[in-house]
Amino acid sequence: MTEDLLARHRAVLPTWMPLYYGDEPLEIVSGSGRRVVDAAGRSYLDFFGGVLTNMIGYDIPEISAAVSEQLATGVVHTSTLYLIRRQVELAEKIARVSGIPDARVFFTNSGTEANETALLMATNIRRSNQILAVRNSYHGRTFATMAITGHRGWSASSLSPLQVSWLPSGDRVRGRMRGLSDADHIEVAVDELREVLATVTAGDVAALIAEPIQGVGGFVHAPDGLLGAYKKELDEHGILLIADEVQTGWGRTGDHFWGYQAHGVTPDLITFAKGIGNGFALGGVVGRADVMNAVPAISFSTYGGNPVSTAAGTAVLDYLLDHDLQANARRVGAILLDGLRTALASCAVVAEVRGRGLMIGIEFVRPGGNEPAPATAVAVFEECRRSGLLVGKGGLYNNVLRMGPPLTLTEEEAREGLAILVEAIRTADAAAVR
């Protein structure tokens, strides 16, 4: 059955759409809590959550009830040309938790579209198409968002509607920031920002867009406070700050509700998606009213903020807050991070265990240096599947395991996944040093 579906997939879908696990991809047919079941009936503990999207988990009664209630009205879609009660209710809640005074919210279908919208607003109010972006970043797959994606593997075109200037990533394993203290890292990065503004821009830059923790880039992140230090310099030039919180938002990092809050700064715009829909297509932008209103023509999203997706989003946000899942991410994430760092301290193939809360990356290298080891990452990735654990891959060199379990993950499940990870990595380490 899976072989037939794979052949049909290859016959009608583009070759550039990847499938995990090569010639033996999974078809996930059901799920409950933090576990999914494939077409062969095998159960897996899910540590990737549809690329950090199934934030509350699977088969959650409160979310199902909210969606069913909306479906029972017979109204799946109207249009933003009409009042949508669910949309207004969710926008009110997101504005309140955003941390931005007098915020406005615009809903989209995805994180890509959210970032595209933020760029539209920033370039309109600043009357400039110049954007600052960060190396090793990922912001989407549309024309403009590919232009600000600093990751060669995801940049499908060199053509661009924007003039982009690049700032250094927070990579501590290699590159110019390697070995620097947090204070020195921030000083060097801000000096680089000043140099970029002085040399390779026309002086009227619209915005800096940055992920507080780089998602596709392998969960790389700069020291706390860097975005705040950047903002002081940006404010001198009137440049806006856009925080791409598509993967870091909603309490996933544990310590904060939004990733930007680790930096002592309030962005002008925040983009969000993934987890807020828990599988329903929902994204958006929340930001300062004057910036959000700076679109000099009629614009709307046909499906963005539709009654069904916003009903789901409201249930997700209510569940998240009512159950204090941010605190759970901090507590359960510590079990994984501390456990991995302790167990893997002597593994020659592990360069770094990094992350925050339930956003965790493990970078693999060849023993004795920092040369990326994508084959080791694949070996661990495949072994985890064989042992009943689903994880993700990423990083600039595809040598990083990425984990973003549902925020409802229990301590028992965290320890179960930890044991599988440690065993798989120790096996790969032993093979690499032979």
Protein backbone atom coordinates (compact mmCIF):
# COMPACT_ATOMS: atom_id res chain seq x y z
CA MET A 1 0.00 0.00 0.00
CA THR A 2 2.77 2.46 0.95
CA GLU A 3 4.78 1.47 -2.14
CA ASP A 4 1.78 2.19 -4.37
CA LEU A 5 1.17 5.56 -2.73
CA LEU A 6 4.85 6.47 -3.11
CA ALA A 7 4.73 5.66 -6.84
CA ARG A 8 1.59 7.78 -7.23
CA HIS A 9 3.26 10.62 -5.30
CA ARG A 10 6.27 10.57 -7.59
CA ALA A 11 4.04 10.51 -10.67
CA VAL A 12 2.12 13.69 -9.87
CA LEU A 13 4.17 15.81 -7.43
CA PRO A 14 7.37 17.81 -8.09
CA THR A 15 10.76 16.20 -7.56
CA TRP A 16 11.85 19.08 -5.32
CA MET A 17 9.29 18.11 -2.65
CA PRO A 18 11.32 15.97 -0.24
CA LEU A 19 10.06 12.93 1.63
CA TYR A 20 11.68 11.77 4.84
CA TYR A 21 13.09 8.22 4.94
CA GLY A 22 13.91 7.89 1.24
CA ASP A 23 12.26 4.87 -0.38
CA GLU A 24 10.42 3.97 2.83
CA PRO A 25 8.48 7.14 3.68
CA LEU A 26 5.76 7.19 6.31
CA GLU A 27 2.06 7.64 5.74
CA ILE A 28 0.66 8.83 9.06
CA VAL A 29 -2.96 7.72 9.34
CA SER A 30 -3.95 8.55 12.93
CA GLY A 31 -2.73 10.27 16.06
CA SER A 32 -3.53 10.84 19.71
CA GLY A 33 -1.72 12.96 22.25
CA ARG A 34 1.93 12.94 21.25
CA ARG A 35 1.81 9.72 19.24
CA VAL A 36 1.03 8.92 15.63
CA VAL A 37 0.36 5.66 13.80
CA ASP A 38 1.53 4.81 10.29
CA ALA A 39 -0.25 2.84 7.58
CA ALA A 40 1.41 -0.37 8.76
CA GLY A 41 -0.04 0.11 12.24
CA ARG A 42 3.19 1.08 13.96
CA SER A 43 3.09 3.75 16.66
CA TYR A 44 5.66 6.52 17.05
CA LEU A 45 6.36 9.13 19.69
CA ASP A 46 6.36 12.37 17.70
CA PHE A 47 9.17 14.81 18.53
CA PHE A 48 8.71 16.89 15.36
CA GLY A 49 4.99 17.67 15.36
CA GLY A 50 4.51 18.33 11.66
CA VAL A 51 7.53 20.70 11.71
CA LEU A 52 6.55 22.32 15.05
CA THR A 53 2.96 22.76 13.86
CA ASN A 54 0.98 20.26 15.95
CA MET A 55 1.77 22.31 19.04
CA ILE A 56 -0.96 20.90 21.28
CA GLY A 57 -0.71 17.35 19.92
CA TYR A 58 -3.24 15.14 18.18
CA ASP A 59 -6.96 14.53 18.71
CA ILE A 60 -7.48 17.29 21.27
CA PRO A 61 -11.18 17.39 22.31
CA GLU A 62 -11.27 21.16 22.95
CA ILE A 63 -9.96 21.95 19.46
CA SER A 64 -12.19 19.37 17.77
CA ALA A 65 -15.22 20.75 19.61
CA ALA A 66 -14.49 24.33 18.54
CA VAL A 67 -14.09 23.33 14.90
CA SER A 68 -17.18 21.08 14.99
CA GLU A 69 -19.24 23.91 16.45
CA GLN A 70 -18.26 26.18 13.58
CA LEU A 71 -18.83 23.47 10.97
CA ALA A 72 -22.28 22.85 12.42
CA THR A 73 -23.27 26.39 11.37
CA GLY A 74 -22.73 25.40 7.75
CA VAL A 75 -20.34 28.35 7.31
CA VAL A 76 -16.83 27.18 6.43
CA HIS A 77 -15.97 30.37 4.59
CA THR A 78 -17.40 33.81 3.99
CA SER A 79 -14.73 36.42 3.27
CA THR A 80 -12.96 39.16 5.17
CA LEU A 81 -15.34 41.47 3.29
CA TYR A 82 -17.85 40.42 5.96
CA LEU A 83 -17.52 40.50 9.73
CA ILE A 84 -16.13 37.23 11.10
CA ARG A 85 -16.75 36.88 14.83
CA ARG A 86 -14.13 34.14 15.28
CA GLN A 87 -11.52 36.25 13.52
CA VAL A 88 -12.16 39.28 15.71
CA GLU A 89 -12.10 37.20 18.90
CA LEU A 90 -8.77 35.60 18.03
CA ALA A 91 -7.27 38.92 16.89
CA GLU A 92 -8.20 40.48 20.23
CA LYS A 93 -6.43 37.71 22.12
CA ILE A 94 -3.31 37.79 19.95
CA ALA A 95 -3.10 41.57 20.25
CA ARG A 96 -3.23 41.24 24.05
CA VAL A 97 -0.45 38.63 24.26
CA SER A 98 1.76 40.24 21.61
CA GLY A 99 3.39 42.74 23.96
CA ILE A 100 2.88 45.49 21.37
CA PRO A 101 0.76 48.48 22.48
CA ASP A 102 -2.31 49.28 20.37
CA ALA A 103 -1.59 46.30 18.14
CA ARG A 104 -3.38 45.32 14.94
CA VAL A 105 -3.59 41.77 13.52
CA PHE A 106 -3.82 40.50 9.95
CA PHE A 107 -4.41 36.79 9.32
CA THR A 108 -2.85 34.73 6.54
CA ASN A 109 -2.67 31.06 5.55
CA SER A 110 0.96 30.38 6.41
CA GLY A 111 4.22 31.69 7.85
CA THR A 112 5.52 32.41 4.37
CA GLU A 113 2.53 34.63 3.62
CA ALA A 114 2.86 36.26 7.06
CA ASN A 115 6.46 37.23 6.34
CA GLU A 116 5.53 38.43 2.86
CA THR A 117 2.86 40.64 4.43
CA ALA A 118 5.27 42.05 7.02
CA LEU A 119 7.68 42.96 4.24
CA LEU A 120 4.86 44.69 2.34
CA MET A 121 4.01 46.80 5.38
CA ALA A 122 7.60 47.66 6.28
CA THR A 123 8.62 48.63 2.76
CA ASN A 124 5.47 50.73 2.35
CA ILE A 125 5.89 52.78 5.48
CA ARG A 126 9.62 53.25 4.91
CA ARG A 127 9.30 53.72 1.12
CA SER A 128 12.30 51.46 0.62
CA ASN A 129 12.89 47.93 -0.63
CA GLN A 130 16.09 47.52 1.38
CA ILE A 131 15.96 44.74 3.98
CA LEU A 132 18.47 43.45 6.53
CA ALA A 133 18.39 39.68 7.02
CA VAL A 134 20.47 37.11 8.86
CA ARG A 135 22.66 34.41 7.35
CA ASN A 136 21.42 30.84 7.87
CA SER A 137 17.83 32.08 8.17
CA TYR A 138 14.64 30.71 6.63
CA HIS A 139 11.53 32.82 6.08
CA GLY A 140 9.50 31.06 3.37
CA ARG A 141 9.22 29.95 -0.22
CA THR A 142 7.63 32.91 -2.04
CA PHE A 143 9.52 35.41 -4.17
CA ALA A 144 10.31 37.96 -1.46
CA THR A 145 10.73 35.50 1.41
CA MET A 146 13.24 33.45 -0.56
CA ALA A 147 15.21 36.66 -1.09
CA ILE A 148 15.60 37.10 2.69
CA THR A 149 16.34 33.41 3.32
CA GLY A 150 20.03 33.08 4.10
CA HIS A 151 20.22 29.34 3.57
CA ARG A 152 21.41 28.13 0.17
CA GLY A 153 19.49 24.86 0.31
CA TRP A 154 16.17 26.74 0.46
CA SER A 155 16.93 29.61 -1.92
CA ALA A 156 15.42 28.42 -5.18
CA SER A 157 15.99 31.68 -7.07
CA SER A 158 18.57 34.45 -7.11
CA LEU A 159 15.97 36.87 -8.47
CA SER A 160 14.52 39.28 -5.94
CA PRO A 161 12.16 42.23 -5.50
CA LEU A 162 14.28 43.37 -2.55
CA GLN A 163 17.78 44.69 -1.92
CA VAL A 164 19.04 42.47 0.89
CA SER A 165 22.08 43.03 3.13
CA TRP A 166 23.24 40.25 5.41
CA LEU A 167 24.16 40.09 9.09
CA PRO A 168 26.04 37.21 10.76
CA SER A 169 24.19 34.24 12.21
CA GLY A 170 24.52 33.12 15.82
CA ASP A 171 26.48 29.98 14.88
CA ARG A 172 28.92 29.11 17.69
CA VAL A 173 30.35 25.96 16.07
CA ARG A 174 32.06 27.63 13.12
CA GLY A 175 32.42 31.05 11.56
CA ARG A 176 33.52 34.41 12.92
CA MET A 177 31.47 34.10 16.14
CA ARG A 178 33.04 30.82 17.16
CA GLY A 179 34.51 30.90 20.65
CA LEU A 180 33.30 34.41 21.50
CA SER A 181 31.72 35.21 24.83
CA ASP A 182 28.14 36.45 24.75
CA ALA A 183 29.27 40.03 25.33
CA ASP A 184 31.93 39.88 22.61
CA HIS A 185 29.47 38.21 20.22
CA ILE A 186 26.99 41.06 20.67
CA GLU A 187 29.70 43.70 20.27
CA VAL A 188 31.03 42.16 17.05
CA ALA A 189 27.52 41.69 15.64
CA VAL A 190 26.50 45.30 16.32
CA ASP A 191 29.75 46.53 14.77
CA GLU A 192 28.90 44.46 11.70
CA LEU A 193 25.43 46.04 11.57
CA ARG A 194 26.96 49.51 11.66
CA GLU A 195 29.42 48.57 8.91
CA VAL A 196 26.64 47.16 6.71
CA LEU A 197 24.52 50.29 7.14
CA ALA A 198 27.49 52.51 6.35
CA THR A 199 28.73 50.66 3.29
CA VAL A 200 26.28 48.49 1.34
CA THR A 201 22.94 50.25 1.80
CA ALA A 202 21.52 53.49 0.45
CA GLY A 203 20.74 54.67 3.96
CA ASP A 204 16.98 54.21 3.99
CA VAL A 205 16.66 50.55 5.02
CA ALA A 206 13.10 49.41 5.69
CA ALA A 207 13.54 46.65 8.27
CA LEU A 208 15.59 43.92 9.85
CA ILE A 209 13.84 40.54 9.90
CA ALA A 210 15.19 37.91 12.28
CA GLU A 211 14.21 34.62 13.87
CA PRO A 212 15.00 34.67 17.61
CA ILE A 213 16.02 31.03 17.10
CA GLN A 214 16.68 29.94 13.52
CA GLY A 215 14.35 27.06 12.70
CA VAL A 216 15.39 25.43 9.41
CA GLY A 217 18.91 26.69 10.16
CA GLY A 218 19.25 24.05 12.87
CA PHE A 219 17.98 25.93 15.96
CA VAL A 220 20.99 28.22 15.96
CA HIS A 221 20.54 31.30 18.10
CA ALA A 222 22.58 34.32 19.12
CA PRO A 223 23.09 35.43 22.75
CA ASP A 224 20.18 36.89 24.65
CA GLY A 225 20.11 40.65 24.21
CA LEU A 226 21.41 40.81 20.64
CA LEU A 227 18.12 41.91 19.09
CA GLY A 228 17.85 44.58 21.77
CA ALA A 229 21.35 45.82 20.95
CA TYR A 230 20.45 45.81 17.26
CA LYS A 231 17.25 47.75 17.96
CA LYS A 232 19.15 50.63 19.56
CA GLU A 233 21.14 51.02 16.35
CA LEU A 234 18.10 50.49 14.13
CA ASP A 235 16.16 53.18 15.98
CA GLU A 236 18.89 55.70 15.15
CA HIS A 237 17.99 55.19 11.49
CA GLY A 238 14.22 54.63 11.79
CA ILE A 239 14.62 50.99 10.70
CA LEU A 240 11.86 48.60 11.78
CA LEU A 241 12.38 45.26 13.52
CA ILE A 242 10.36 42.23 12.37
CA ALA A 243 10.50 39.18 14.65
CA ASP A 244 9.79 35.97 12.74
CA GLU A 245 8.13 33.92 15.48
CA VAL A 246 6.69 31.25 13.20
CA GLN A 247 8.59 28.54 15.10
CA THR A 248 9.55 30.29 18.36
CA GLY A 249 6.19 31.75 19.39
CA TRP A 250 3.45 30.69 21.81
CA GLY A 251 5.69 29.66 24.72
CA ARG A 252 7.71 27.00 22.91
CA THR A 253 11.02 28.31 24.25
CA GLY A 254 9.77 27.86 27.83
CA ASP A 255 11.47 30.91 29.29
CA HIS A 256 9.30 33.31 27.28
CA PHE A 257 6.01 33.43 25.42
CA TRP A 258 7.75 34.94 22.39
CA GLY A 259 11.37 34.40 21.40
CA TYR A 260 11.97 38.15 21.13
CA GLN A 261 11.39 38.55 24.88
CA ALA A 262 14.81 37.04 25.59
CA HIS A 263 16.34 40.13 24.01
CA GLY A 264 14.84 43.00 25.99
CA VAL A 265 13.14 44.46 22.95
CA THR A 266 9.67 44.98 21.49
CA PRO A 267 9.48 44.43 17.72
CA ASP A 268 7.49 46.64 15.41
CA LEU A 269 5.99 43.56 13.74
CA ILE A 270 5.70 39.89 14.77
CA THR A 271 4.92 37.14 12.28
CA PHE A 272 3.32 33.92 13.47
CA ALA A 273 1.92 30.65 12.09
CA LYS A 274 2.41 26.88 12.60
CA GLY A 275 1.52 26.11 16.21
CA ILE A 276 -1.38 28.55 16.57
CA GLY A 277 -3.45 26.47 14.11
CA ASN A 278 -2.34 23.07 15.46
CA GLY A 279 -2.63 21.74 11.92
CA PHE A 280 -5.22 24.16 10.55
CA ALA A 281 -3.84 26.66 8.02
CA LEU A 282 -3.39 29.82 10.07
CA GLY A 283 -0.72 32.50 10.22
CA GLY A 284 -0.50 36.23 10.47
CA VAL A 285 1.17 39.46 11.46
CA VAL A 286 0.64 41.49 14.63
CA GLY A 287 2.23 44.88 14.98
CA ARG A 288 2.10 48.60 15.64
CA ALA A 289 -1.07 50.19 14.28
CA ASP A 290 0.76 52.83 12.22
CA VAL A 291 2.91 50.18 10.51
CA MET A 292 0.05 47.72 10.00
CA ASN A 293 -2.07 50.45 8.43
CA ALA A 294 0.67 51.52 6.00
CA VAL A 295 -0.76 49.73 2.96
CA PRO A 296 -2.00 52.39 0.52
CA ALA A 297 -4.49 50.20 -1.33
CA ILE A 298 -7.18 47.62 -0.67
CA SER A 299 -5.76 44.24 0.36
CA PHE A 300 -7.06 41.12 2.02
CA SER A 301 -6.47 37.38 2.24
CA THR A 302 -9.27 35.25 0.82
CA TYR A 303 -8.83 32.39 3.28
CA GLY A 304 -6.72 34.08 5.96
CA GLY A 305 -8.68 34.26 9.20
CA ASN A 306 -11.57 32.13 7.92
CA PRO A 307 -14.15 31.02 10.52
CA VAL A 308 -12.91 27.42 10.82
CA SER A 309 -9.19 28.17 11.16
CA THR A 310 -9.77 31.00 13.64
CA ALA A 311 -12.13 28.82 15.67
CA ALA A 312 -9.28 26.32 15.90
CA GLY A 313 -6.75 29.06 16.67
CA THR A 314 -8.87 30.44 19.51
CA ALA A 315 -9.20 26.97 21.03
CA VAL A 316 -5.45 26.42 20.69
CA LEU A 317 -4.56 29.72 22.37
CA ASP A 318 -7.09 29.18 25.16
CA TYR A 319 -5.78 25.66 25.79
CA LEU A 320 -2.19 26.90 25.76
CA LEU A 321 -2.88 29.59 28.35
CA ASP A 322 -5.31 27.58 30.50
CA HIS A 323 -2.82 24.71 30.84
CA ASP A 324 0.28 26.94 31.12
CA LEU A 325 2.06 25.02 28.39
CA GLN A 326 4.90 27.54 28.42
CA ALA A 327 5.83 26.31 31.91
CA ASN A 328 5.52 22.73 30.71
CA ALA A 329 7.86 23.46 27.80
CA ARG A 330 10.41 24.88 30.24
CA ARG A 331 10.14 21.96 32.68
CA VAL A 332 10.00 19.09 30.18
CA GLY A 333 12.47 20.75 27.82
CA ALA A 334 14.99 20.87 30.67
CA ILE A 335 14.71 17.09 31.05
CA LEU A 336 15.67 16.68 27.40
CA LEU A 337 18.34 19.37 27.21
CA ASP A 338 20.04 18.48 30.50
CA GLY A 339 19.77 14.78 29.80
CA LEU A 340 21.24 15.08 26.31
CA ARG A 341 24.09 17.33 27.41
CA THR A 342 25.04 15.01 30.25
CA ALA A 343 24.73 11.76 28.30
CA LEU A 344 26.46 13.04 25.16
CA ALA A 345 29.27 15.07 26.74
CA SER A 346 31.90 12.53 25.66
CA CYS A 347 30.46 11.76 22.20
CA ALA A 348 32.99 12.73 19.56
CA VAL A 349 30.31 13.21 16.88
CA VAL A 350 28.28 15.77 18.86
CA ALA A 351 29.47 19.34 18.44
CA GLU A 352 26.63 21.02 20.31
CA VAL A 353 23.31 20.36 22.00
CA ARG A 354 21.40 23.63 21.81
CA GLY A 355 17.99 25.12 22.08
CA ARG A 356 15.44 26.31 24.57
CA GLY A 357 12.34 24.72 26.02
CA LEU A 358 10.90 22.28 23.51
CA MET A 359 13.00 23.54 20.60
CA ILE A 360 16.15 21.42 20.62
CA GLY A 361 18.92 20.79 18.11
CA ILE A 362 21.87 18.38 18.09
CA GLU A 363 24.69 19.17 15.65
CA PHE A 364 26.86 16.31 14.36
CA VAL A 365 30.48 16.59 13.19
CA ARG A 366 33.28 14.27 12.22
CA PRO A 367 35.33 13.19 15.25
CA GLY A 368 38.26 15.45 16.02
CA GLY A 369 37.00 18.68 14.49
CA ASN A 370 33.96 20.66 13.43
CA GLU A 371 33.51 19.33 9.90
CA PRO A 372 29.78 18.74 9.39
CA ALA A 373 28.69 15.09 9.42
CA PRO A 374 25.33 14.86 7.61
CA ALA A 375 25.71 11.08 7.25
CA THR A 376 25.82 10.73 11.03
CA ALA A 377 22.70 12.86 11.35
CA VAL A 378 20.93 10.61 8.85
CA ALA A 379 22.07 7.47 10.69
CA VAL A 380 20.69 8.77 13.99
CA PHE A 381 17.53 10.00 12.27
CA GLU A 382 16.87 6.57 10.78
CA GLU A 383 17.70 4.73 14.01
CA CYS A 384 15.24 6.90 15.91
CA ARG A 385 12.50 5.89 13.50
CA ARG A 386 13.35 2.21 13.90
CA SER A 387 13.07 2.69 17.66
CA GLY A 388 9.71 4.45 17.47
CA LEU A 389 10.70 8.12 17.63
CA LEU A 390 10.12 10.75 14.92
CA VAL A 391 12.54 13.69 14.76
CA GLY A 392 13.47 16.25 12.13
CA LYS A 393 16.62 17.25 10.28
CA GLY A 394 18.05 20.60 9.24
CA GLY A 395 20.94 23.01 9.56
CA LEU A 396 22.99 24.66 6.87
CA TYR A 397 24.83 21.39 6.21
CA ASN A 398 21.89 19.08 6.98
CA ASN A 399 23.81 17.75 9.97
CA VAL A 400 21.45 18.79 12.76
CA LEU A 401 18.67 16.78 14.38
CA ARG A 402 15.74 19.10 15.13
CA MET A 403 13.14 18.40 17.77
CA GLY A 404 9.98 20.38 18.46
CA PRO A 405 7.58 18.07 20.31
CA PRO A 406 4.04 19.17 21.18
CA LEU A 407 4.03 21.48 24.21
CA THR A 408 1.82 18.94 25.97
CA LEU A 409 4.71 16.43 26.12
CA THR A 410 4.80 14.67 29.48
CA GLU A 411 7.87 14.04 31.63
CA GLU A 412 7.50 10.30 31.06
CA GLU A 413 7.39 10.79 27.28
CA ALA A 414 10.39 13.12 27.44
CA ARG A 415 12.42 10.44 29.22
CA GLU A 416 11.24 7.80 26.75
CA GLY A 417 12.39 9.92 23.81
CA LEU A 418 15.60 10.83 25.58
CA ALA A 419 16.53 7.16 26.02
CA ILE A 420 15.95 6.46 22.32
CA LEU A 421 18.00 9.49 21.27
CA VAL A 422 20.92 8.72 23.54
CA GLU A 423 21.10 5.09 22.42
CA ALA A 424 20.91 6.05 18.73
CA ILE A 425 23.62 8.70 19.07
CA ARG A 426 25.95 6.49 21.09
CA THR A 427 25.61 3.80 18.42
CA ALA A 428 26.49 6.33 15.71
CA ASP A 429 29.37 7.66 17.79
CA ALA A 430 30.85 4.19 18.25
CA ALA A 431 30.64 3.56 14.52
CA ALA A 432 32.28 6.88 13.67
CA VAL A 433 35.30 6.47 15.95
CA ARG A 434 36.07 2.88 14.96
